[in-house]
PDB file of N, CA and C in Angstrom:
ATOM      1  N   UNK A   1      73.638  59.093   4.647  1.00  0.00           N
ATOM      2  CA  UNK A   1      72.819  58.001   5.144  1.00  0.00           C
ATOM      3  C   UNK A   1      73.684  56.822   5.595  1.00  0.00           C
ATOM      4  N   UNK A   2      74.680  56.452   4.765  1.00  0.00           N
ATOM      5  CA  UNK A   2      75.560  55.339   5.126  1.00  0.00           C
ATOM      6  C   UNK A   2      76.330  55.650   6.398  1.00  0.00           C
ATOM      7  N   UNK A   3      76.724  56.910   6.566  1.00  0.00           N
ATOM      8  CA  UNK A   3      77.452  57.318   7.774  1.00  0.00           C
ATOM      9  C   UNK A   3      76.584  57.139   9.005  1.00  0.00           C
ATOM     10  N   UNK A   4      75.302  57.453   8.906  1.00  0.00           N
ATOM     11  CA  UNK A   4      74.383  57.300  10.035  1.00  0.00           C
ATOM     12  C   UNK A   4      74.243  55.831  10.414  1.00  0.00           C
ATOM     13  N   UNK A   5      74.173  54.937   9.419  1.00  0.00           N
ATOM     14  CA  UNK A   5      74.081  53.503   9.695  1.00  0.00           C
ATOM     15  C   UNK A   5      75.342  52.998  10.378  1.00  0.00           C
ATOM     16  N   UNK A   6      76.511  53.497   9.943  1.00  0.00           N
ATOM     17  CA  UNK A   6      77.771  53.096  10.577  1.00  0.00           C
ATOM     18  C   UNK A   6      77.803  53.559  12.022  1.00  0.00           C
ATOM     19  N   UNK A   7      77.339  54.776  12.269  1.00  0.00           N
ATOM     20  CA  UNK A   7      77.334  55.311  13.626  1.00  0.00           C
ATOM     21  C   UNK A   7      76.443  54.458  14.519  1.00  0.00           C
ATOM     22  N   UNK A   8      75.291  54.039  14.013  1.00  0.00           N
ATOM     23  CA  UNK A   8      74.398  53.194  14.803  1.00  0.00           C
ATOM     24  C   UNK A   8      75.012  51.825  15.051  1.00  0.00           C
ATOM     25  N   UNK A   9      75.713  51.304  14.080  1.00  0.00           N
ATOM     26  CA  UNK A   9      76.332  49.988  14.227  1.00  0.00           C
ATOM     27  C   UNK A   9      77.410  49.998  15.306  1.00  0.00           C
ATOM     28  N   UNK A  10      78.049  51.131  15.536  1.00  0.00           N
ATOM     29  CA  UNK A  10      79.125  51.218  16.513  1.00  0.00           C
ATOM     30  C   UNK A  10      78.696  51.918  17.794  1.00  0.00           C
ATOM     31  N   UNK A  11      77.422  52.258  17.924  1.00  0.00           N
ATOM     32  CA  UNK A  11      76.939  52.905  19.145  1.00  0.00           C
ATOM     33  C   UNK A  11      77.090  51.931  20.311  1.00  0.00           C
ATOM     34  N   UNK A  12      77.457  52.443  21.448  1.00  0.00           N
ATOM     35  CA  UNK A  12      77.633  51.603  22.629  1.00  0.00           C
ATOM     36  C   UNK A  12      76.498  51.865  23.596  1.00  0.00           C
ATOM     37  N   UNK A  13      76.147  50.836  24.332  1.00  0.00           N
ATOM     38  CA  UNK A  13      75.069  50.940  25.296  1.00  0.00           C
ATOM     39  C   UNK A  13      75.579  50.444  26.641  1.00  0.00           C
ATOM     40  N   UNK A  14      75.207  51.132  27.685  1.00  0.00           N
ATOM     41  CA  UNK A  14      75.602  50.707  29.026  1.00  0.00           C
ATOM     42  C   UNK A  14      74.832  49.454  29.421  1.00  0.00           C
ATOM     43  N   UNK A  15      75.480  48.623  30.212  1.00  0.00           N
ATOM     44  CA  UNK A  15      74.889  47.391  30.703  1.00  0.00           C
ATOM     45  C   UNK A  15      75.229  47.277  32.178  1.00  0.00           C
ATOM     46  N   UNK A  16      74.212  47.045  32.995  1.00  0.00           N
ATOM     47  CA  UNK A  16      74.436  46.899  34.426  1.00  0.00           C
ATOM     48  C   UNK A  16      74.334  45.431  34.779  1.00  0.00           C
ATOM     49  N   UNK A  17      75.344  44.932  35.463  1.00  0.00           N
ATOM     50  CA  UNK A  17      75.371  43.538  35.877  1.00  0.00           C
ATOM     51  C   UNK A  17      75.434  43.457  37.395  1.00  0.00           C
ATOM     52  N   UNK A  18      74.837  42.428  37.945  1.00  0.00           N
ATOM     53  CA  UNK A  18      74.960  42.152  39.370  1.00  0.00           C
ATOM     54  C   UNK A  18      75.823  40.900  39.472  1.00  0.00           C
ATOM     55  N   UNK A  19      77.015  41.077  40.051  1.00  0.00           N
ATOM     56  CA  UNK A  19      78.000  40.005  40.111  1.00  0.00           C
ATOM     57  C   UNK A  19      78.563  39.948  41.532  1.00  0.00           C
ATOM     58  N   UNK A  20      78.866  38.741  41.976  1.00  0.00           N
ATOM     59  CA  UNK A  20      79.438  38.569  43.305  1.00  0.00           C
ATOM     60  C   UNK A  20      80.762  39.330  43.395  1.00  0.00           C
ATOM     61  N   UNK A  21      81.024  39.880  44.571  1.00  0.00           N
ATOM     62  CA  UNK A  21      82.212  40.707  44.787  1.00  0.00           C
ATOM     63  C   UNK A  21      83.508  39.943  44.506  1.00  0.00           C
ATOM     64  N   UNK A  22      83.576  38.690  44.963  1.00  0.00           N
ATOM     65  CA  UNK A  22      84.808  37.934  44.745  1.00  0.00           C
ATOM     66  C   UNK A  22      85.057  37.681  43.256  1.00  0.00           C
ATOM     67  N   UNK A  23      83.994  37.545  42.477  1.00  0.00           N
ATOM     68  CA  UNK A  23      84.145  37.371  41.038  1.00  0.00           C
ATOM     69  C   UNK A  23      84.659  38.654  40.382  1.00  0.00           C
ATOM     70  N   UNK A  24      84.148  39.788  40.842  1.00  0.00           N
ATOM     71  CA  UNK A  24      84.616  41.073  40.304  1.00  0.00           C
ATOM     72  C   UNK A  24      86.090  41.277  40.638  1.00  0.00           C
ATOM     73  N   UNK A  25      86.477  40.964  41.862  1.00  0.00           N
ATOM     74  CA  UNK A  25      87.878  41.118  42.263  1.00  0.00           C
ATOM     75  C   UNK A  25      88.788  40.204  41.435  1.00  0.00           C
ATOM     76  N   UNK A  26      88.352  38.970  41.220  1.00  0.00           N
ATOM     77  CA  UNK A  26      89.145  38.040  40.411  1.00  0.00           C
ATOM     78  C   UNK A  26      89.220  38.535  38.970  1.00  0.00           C
ATOM     79  N   UNK A  27      88.121  39.065  38.446  1.00  0.00           N
ATOM     80  CA  UNK A  27      88.107  39.592  37.075  1.00  0.00           C
ATOM     81  C   UNK A  27      89.032  40.801  36.962  1.00  0.00           C
ATOM     82  N   UNK A  28      89.078  41.625  37.982  1.00  0.00           N
ATOM     83  CA  UNK A  28      89.993  42.781  37.965  1.00  0.00           C
ATOM     84  C   UNK A  28      91.445  42.319  37.905  1.00  0.00           C
ATOM     85  N   UNK A  29      91.752  41.256  38.639  1.00  0.00           N
ATOM     86  CA  UNK A  29      93.120  40.720  38.602  1.00  0.00           C
ATOM     87  C   UNK A  29      93.460  40.188  37.215  1.00  0.00           C
ATOM     88  N   UNK A  30      92.522  39.477  36.613  1.00  0.00           N
ATOM     89  CA  UNK A  30      92.739  38.959  35.263  1.00  0.00           C
ATOM     90  C   UNK A  30      92.938  40.118  34.297  1.00  0.00           C
ATOM     91  N   UNK A  31      92.086  41.129  34.400  1.00  0.00           N
ATOM     92  CA  UNK A  31      92.190  42.296  33.516  1.00  0.00           C
ATOM     93  C   UNK A  31      93.536  42.987  33.694  1.00  0.00           C
ATOM     94  N   UNK A  32      93.968  43.141  34.918  1.00  0.00           N
ATOM     95  CA  UNK A  32      95.258  43.774  35.196  1.00  0.00           C
ATOM     96  C   UNK A  32      96.394  42.960  34.574  1.00  0.00           C
ATOM     97  N   UNK A  33      96.332  41.641  34.752  1.00  0.00           N
ATOM     98  CA  UNK A  33      97.353  40.758  34.159  1.00  0.00           C
ATOM     99  C   UNK A  33      97.390  40.874  32.638  1.00  0.00           C
ATOM    100  N   UNK A  34      96.228  41.104  32.037  1.00  0.00           N
ATOM    101  CA  UNK A  34      96.132  41.186  30.575  1.00  0.00           C
ATOM    102  C   UNK A  34      96.264  42.615  30.057  1.00  0.00           C
ATOM    103  N   UNK A  35      96.434  43.560  30.966  1.00  0.00           N
ATOM    104  CA  UNK A  35      96.589  44.960  30.569  1.00  0.00           C
ATOM    105  C   UNK A  35      95.332  45.538  29.947  1.00  0.00           C
ATOM    106  N   UNK A  36      94.185  45.161  30.473  1.00  0.00           N
ATOM    107  CA  UNK A  36      92.908  45.649  29.949  1.00  0.00           C
ATOM    108  C   UNK A  36      91.974  45.947  31.105  1.00  0.00           C
ATOM    109  N   UNK A  37      90.724  46.132  30.818  1.00  0.00           N
ATOM    110  CA  UNK A  37      89.737  46.428  31.857  1.00  0.00           C
ATOM    111  C   UNK A  37      88.719  45.293  31.940  1.00  0.00           C
ATOM    112  N   UNK A  38      88.008  45.240  33.053  1.00  0.00           N
ATOM    113  CA  UNK A  38      86.932  44.259  33.200  1.00  0.00           C
ATOM    114  C   UNK A  38      85.883  44.525  32.119  1.00  0.00           C
ATOM    115  N   UNK A  39      85.626  45.783  31.860  1.00  0.00           N
ATOM    116  CA  UNK A  39      84.673  46.161  30.818  1.00  0.00           C
ATOM    117  C   UNK A  39      85.069  45.539  29.478  1.00  0.00           C
ATOM    118  N   UNK A  40      86.341  45.646  29.128  1.00  0.00           N
ATOM    119  CA  UNK A  40      86.809  45.082  27.861  1.00  0.00           C
ATOM    120  C   UNK A  40      86.737  43.557  27.883  1.00  0.00           C
ATOM    121  N   UNK A  41      87.038  42.940  29.018  1.00  0.00           N
ATOM    122  CA  UNK A  41      86.915  41.482  29.127  1.00  0.00           C
ATOM    123  C   UNK A  41      85.474  41.047  28.853  1.00  0.00           C
ATOM    124  N   UNK A  42      84.516  41.761  29.418  1.00  0.00           N
ATOM    125  CA  UNK A  42      83.102  41.430  29.216  1.00  0.00           C
ATOM    126  C   UNK A  42      82.719  41.635  27.758  1.00  0.00           C
ATOM    127  N   UNK A  43      83.161  42.753  27.153  1.00  0.00           N
ATOM    128  CA  UNK A  43      82.867  42.997  25.734  1.00  0.00           C
ATOM    129  C   UNK A  43      83.443  41.887  24.862  1.00  0.00           C
ATOM    130  N   UNK A  44      84.688  41.505  25.146  1.00  0.00           N
ATOM    131  CA  UNK A  44      85.319  40.430  24.369  1.00  0.00           C
ATOM    132  C   UNK A  44      84.563  39.110  24.527  1.00  0.00           C
ATOM    133  N   UNK A  45      84.156  38.817  25.760  1.00  0.00           N
ATOM    134  CA  UNK A  45      83.413  37.583  26.015  1.00  0.00           C
ATOM    135  C   UNK A  45      82.099  37.575  25.241  1.00  0.00           C
ATOM    136  N   UNK A  46      81.359  38.674  25.297  1.00  0.00           N
ATOM    137  CA  UNK A  46      80.075  38.740  24.599  1.00  0.00           C
ATOM    138  C   UNK A  46      80.257  38.651  23.087  1.00  0.00           C
ATOM    139  N   UNK A  47      81.268  39.317  22.568  1.00  0.00           N
ATOM    140  CA  UNK A  47      81.536  39.268  21.122  1.00  0.00           C
ATOM    141  C   UNK A  47      81.879  37.843  20.695  1.00  0.00           C
ATOM    142  N   UNK A  48      82.693  37.157  21.486  1.00  0.00           N
ATOM    143  CA  UNK A  48      83.061  35.776  21.185  1.00  0.00           C
ATOM    144  C   UNK A  48      81.847  34.868  21.262  1.00  0.00           C
ATOM    145  N   UNK A  49      81.023  35.057  22.263  1.00  0.00           N
ATOM    146  CA  UNK A  49      79.813  34.261  22.427  1.00  0.00           C
ATOM    147  C   UNK A  49      78.896  34.396  21.218  1.00  0.00           C
ATOM    148  N   UNK A  50      78.686  35.609  20.766  1.00  0.00           N
ATOM    149  CA  UNK A  50      77.820  35.866  19.615  1.00  0.00           C
ATOM    150  C   UNK A  50      78.442  35.311  18.341  1.00  0.00           C
ATOM    151  N   UNK A  51      79.746  35.513  18.177  1.00  0.00           N
ATOM    152  CA  UNK A  51      80.444  35.039  16.975  1.00  0.00           C
ATOM    153  C   UNK A  51      80.399  33.514  16.874  1.00  0.00           C
ATOM    154  N   UNK A  52      80.639  32.829  17.984  1.00  0.00           N
ATOM    155  CA  UNK A  52      80.612  31.362  17.972  1.00  0.00           C
ATOM    156  C   UNK A  52      79.220  30.848  17.643  1.00  0.00           C
ATOM    157  N   UNK A  53      78.209  31.483  18.214  1.00  0.00           N
ATOM    158  CA  UNK A  53      76.835  31.087  17.942  1.00  0.00           C
ATOM    159  C   UNK A  53      76.513  31.275  16.467  1.00  0.00           C
ATOM    160  N   UNK A  54      76.964  32.382  15.916  1.00  0.00           N
ATOM    161  CA  UNK A  54      76.735  32.665  14.499  1.00  0.00           C
ATOM    162  C   UNK A  54      77.460  31.651  13.619  1.00  0.00           C
ATOM    163  N   UNK A  55      78.707  31.324  13.979  1.00  0.00           N
ATOM    164  CA  UNK A  55      79.471  30.340  13.197  1.00  0.00           C
ATOM    165  C   UNK A  55      78.807  28.969  13.246  1.00  0.00           C
ATOM    166  N   UNK A  56      78.310  28.584  14.428  1.00  0.00           N
ATOM    167  CA  UNK A  56      77.622  27.295  14.545  1.00  0.00           C
ATOM    168  C   UNK A  56      76.367  27.266  13.683  1.00  0.00           C
ATOM    169  N   UNK A  57      75.609  28.370  13.726  1.00  0.00           N
ATOM    170  CA  UNK A  57      74.391  28.461  12.933  1.00  0.00           C
ATOM    171  C   UNK A  57      74.712  28.345  11.439  1.00  0.00           C
ATOM    172  N   UNK A  58      75.762  29.043  10.994  1.00  0.00           N
ATOM    173  CA  UNK A  58      76.161  28.981   9.591  1.00  0.00           C
ATOM    174  C   UNK A  58      76.639  27.577   9.228  1.00  0.00           C
ATOM    175  N   UNK A  59      77.376  26.938  10.118  1.00  0.00           N
ATOM    176  CA  UNK A  59      77.875  25.584   9.866  1.00  0.00           C
ATOM    177  C   UNK A  59      76.702  24.608   9.749  1.00  0.00           C
ATOM    178  N   UNK A  60      75.710  24.743  10.631  1.00  0.00           N
ATOM    179  CA  UNK A  60      74.537  23.878  10.553  1.00  0.00           C
ATOM    180  C   UNK A  60      73.807  24.071   9.231  1.00  0.00           C
ATOM    181  N   UNK A  61      73.685  25.319   8.800  1.00  0.00           N
ATOM    182  CA  UNK A  61      73.014  25.613   7.529  1.00  0.00           C
ATOM    183  C   UNK A  61      73.759  24.976   6.369  1.00  0.00           C
ATOM    184  N   UNK A  62      75.096  25.116   6.364  1.00  0.00           N
ATOM    185  CA  UNK A  62      75.896  24.511   5.289  1.00  0.00           C
ATOM    186  C   UNK A  62      75.814  22.988   5.327  1.00  0.00           C
ATOM    187  N   UNK A  63      75.815  22.420   6.524  1.00  0.00           N
ATOM    188  CA  UNK A  63      75.733  20.970   6.665  1.00  0.00           C
ATOM    189  C   UNK A  63      74.389  20.452   6.171  1.00  0.00           C
ATOM    190  N   UNK A  64      73.304  21.141   6.528  1.00  0.00           N
ATOM    191  CA  UNK A  64      71.975  20.738   6.054  1.00  0.00           C
ATOM    192  C   UNK A  64      71.912  20.802   4.533  1.00  0.00           C
ATOM    193  N   UNK A  65      72.492  21.844   3.958  1.00  0.00           N
ATOM    194  CA  UNK A  65      72.502  21.978   2.495  1.00  0.00           C
ATOM    195  C   UNK A  65      73.311  20.852   1.866  1.00  0.00           C
ATOM    196  N   UNK A  66      74.437  20.508   2.482  1.00  0.00           N
ATOM    197  CA  UNK A  66      75.277  19.429   1.954  1.00  0.00           C
ATOM    198  C   UNK A  66      74.529  18.102   2.019  1.00  0.00           C
ATOM    199  N   UNK A  67      73.813  17.858   3.115  1.00  0.00           N
ATOM    200  CA  UNK A  67      73.043  16.622   3.220  1.00  0.00           C
ATOM    201  C   UNK A  67      71.917  16.592   2.194  1.00  0.00           C
ATOM    202  N   UNK A  68      71.299  17.744   1.972  1.00  0.00           N
ATOM    203  CA  UNK A  68      70.209  17.813   0.993  1.00  0.00           C
ATOM    204  C   UNK A  68      70.729  17.533  -0.416  1.00  0.00           C
ATOM    205  N   UNK A  69      71.925  18.014  -0.724  1.00  0.00           N
ATOM    206  CA  UNK A  69      72.520  17.801  -2.045  1.00  0.00           C
ATOM    207  C   UNK A  69      73.134  16.418  -2.162  1.00  0.00           C
ATOM    208  N   UNK A  70      73.535  15.889  -1.060  1.00  0.00           N
ATOM    209  CA  UNK A  70      74.236  14.604  -1.058  1.00  0.00           C
ATOM    210  C   UNK A  70      75.723  14.872  -0.904  1.00  0.00           C
ATOM    211  N   UNK A  71      76.302  14.340   0.128  1.00  0.00           N
ATOM    212  CA  UNK A  71      77.716  14.574   0.402  1.00  0.00           C
ATOM    213  C   UNK A  71      78.616  13.815  -0.562  1.00  0.00           C
ATOM    214  N   UNK A  72      78.173  12.633  -0.930  1.00  0.00           N
ATOM    215  CA  UNK A  72      78.971  11.810  -1.835  1.00  0.00           C
ATOM    216  C   UNK A  72      78.061  11.228  -2.902  1.00  0.00           C
ATOM    217  N   UNK A  73      78.663  10.864  -3.972  1.00  0.00           N
ATOM    218  CA  UNK A  73      77.915  10.213  -5.037  1.00  0.00           C
ATOM    219  C   UNK A  73      78.091   8.721  -4.864  1.00  0.00           C
ATOM    220  N   UNK A  74      76.983   8.032  -4.793  1.00  0.00           N
ATOM    221  CA  UNK A  74      77.037   6.591  -4.581  1.00  0.00           C
ATOM    222  C   UNK A  74      76.704   5.908  -5.891  1.00  0.00           C
ATOM    223  N   UNK A  75      77.633   5.092  -6.337  1.00  0.00           N
ATOM    224  CA  UNK A  75      77.420   4.348  -7.575  1.00  0.00           C
ATOM    225  C   UNK A  75      76.708   3.036  -7.301  1.00  0.00           C
ATOM    226  N   UNK A  76      76.596   2.260  -8.334  1.00  0.00           N
ATOM    227  CA  UNK A  76      75.952   0.962  -8.209  1.00  0.00           C
ATOM    228  C   UNK A  76      76.840   0.027  -7.395  1.00  0.00           C
ATOM    229  N   UNK A  77      76.236  -0.756  -6.539  1.00  0.00           N
ATOM    230  CA  UNK A  77      76.987  -1.699  -5.715  1.00  0.00           C
ATOM    231  C   UNK A  77      77.367  -2.898  -6.563  1.00  0.00           C
ATOM    232  N   UNK A  78      78.659  -3.138  -6.654  1.00  0.00           N
ATOM    233  CA  UNK A  78      79.157  -4.243  -7.489  1.00  0.00           C
ATOM    234  C   UNK A  78      79.783  -5.343  -6.642  1.00  0.00           C
ATOM    235  N   UNK A  79      79.600  -5.289  -5.350  1.00  0.00           N
ATOM    236  CA  UNK A  79      80.203  -6.267  -4.470  1.00  0.00           C
ATOM    237  C   UNK A  79      79.121  -6.910  -3.614  1.00  0.00           C
ATOM    238  N   UNK A  80      79.479  -8.010  -3.020  1.00  0.00           N
ATOM    239  CA  UNK A  80      78.567  -8.686  -2.093  1.00  0.00           C
ATOM    240  C   UNK A  80      79.216  -8.702  -0.720  1.00  0.00           C
ATOM    241  N   UNK A  81      78.453  -9.029   0.246  1.00  0.00           N
ATOM    242  CA  UNK A  81      78.986  -9.126   1.611  1.00  0.00           C
ATOM    243  C   UNK A  81      80.096 -10.172   1.666  1.00  0.00           C
ATOM    244  N   UNK A  82      79.899 -11.261   0.971  1.00  0.00           N
ATOM    245  CA  UNK A  82      80.919 -12.317   0.951  1.00  0.00           C
ATOM    246  C   UNK A  82      82.231 -11.818   0.347  1.00  0.00           C
ATOM    247  N   UNK A  83      82.157 -10.921  -0.667  1.00  0.00           N
ATOM    248  CA  UNK A  83      83.361 -10.344  -1.255  1.00  0.00           C
ATOM    249  C   UNK A  83      84.156  -9.567  -0.199  1.00  0.00           C
ATOM    250  N   UNK A  84      83.448  -8.897   0.679  1.00  0.00           N
ATOM    251  CA  UNK A  84      84.110  -8.098   1.707  1.00  0.00           C
ATOM    252  C   UNK A  84      84.737  -8.960   2.788  1.00  0.00           C
ATOM    253  N   UNK A  85      84.119 -10.071   3.054  1.00  0.00           N
ATOM    254  CA  UNK A  85      84.570 -10.930   4.146  1.00  0.00           C
ATOM    255  C   UNK A  85      85.002 -12.295   3.628  1.00  0.00           C
ATOM    256  N   UNK A  86      85.896 -12.293   2.660  1.00  0.00           N
ATOM    257  CA  UNK A  86      86.376 -13.573   2.136  1.00  0.00           C
ATOM    258  C   UNK A  86      87.084 -14.329   3.251  1.00  0.00           C
ATOM    259  N   UNK A  87      86.793 -15.588   3.326  1.00  0.00           N
ATOM    260  CA  UNK A  87      87.365 -16.404   4.405  1.00  0.00           C
ATOM    261  C   UNK A  87      88.326 -17.395   3.858  1.00  0.00           C
TER     262      UNK A  87
END
């Protein structure tokens, strides 16, 4: 059963894109310079896009939790405004 779940997690699906010819040619040059394929460039871009979105979502969740708990402990105020701005 676990093997079947792993196989599904790594299954690949074809994706058809409509892209301007000059963009495809430029992407091919970039891929050639990087020793990879346009397909791999697109996969890397999508993986990065999803990962960044996930990291932002997790960061927002942690930040909300920190605000709910209180980021700092505030003690009793023992000073006055005049103490801060002695003239």
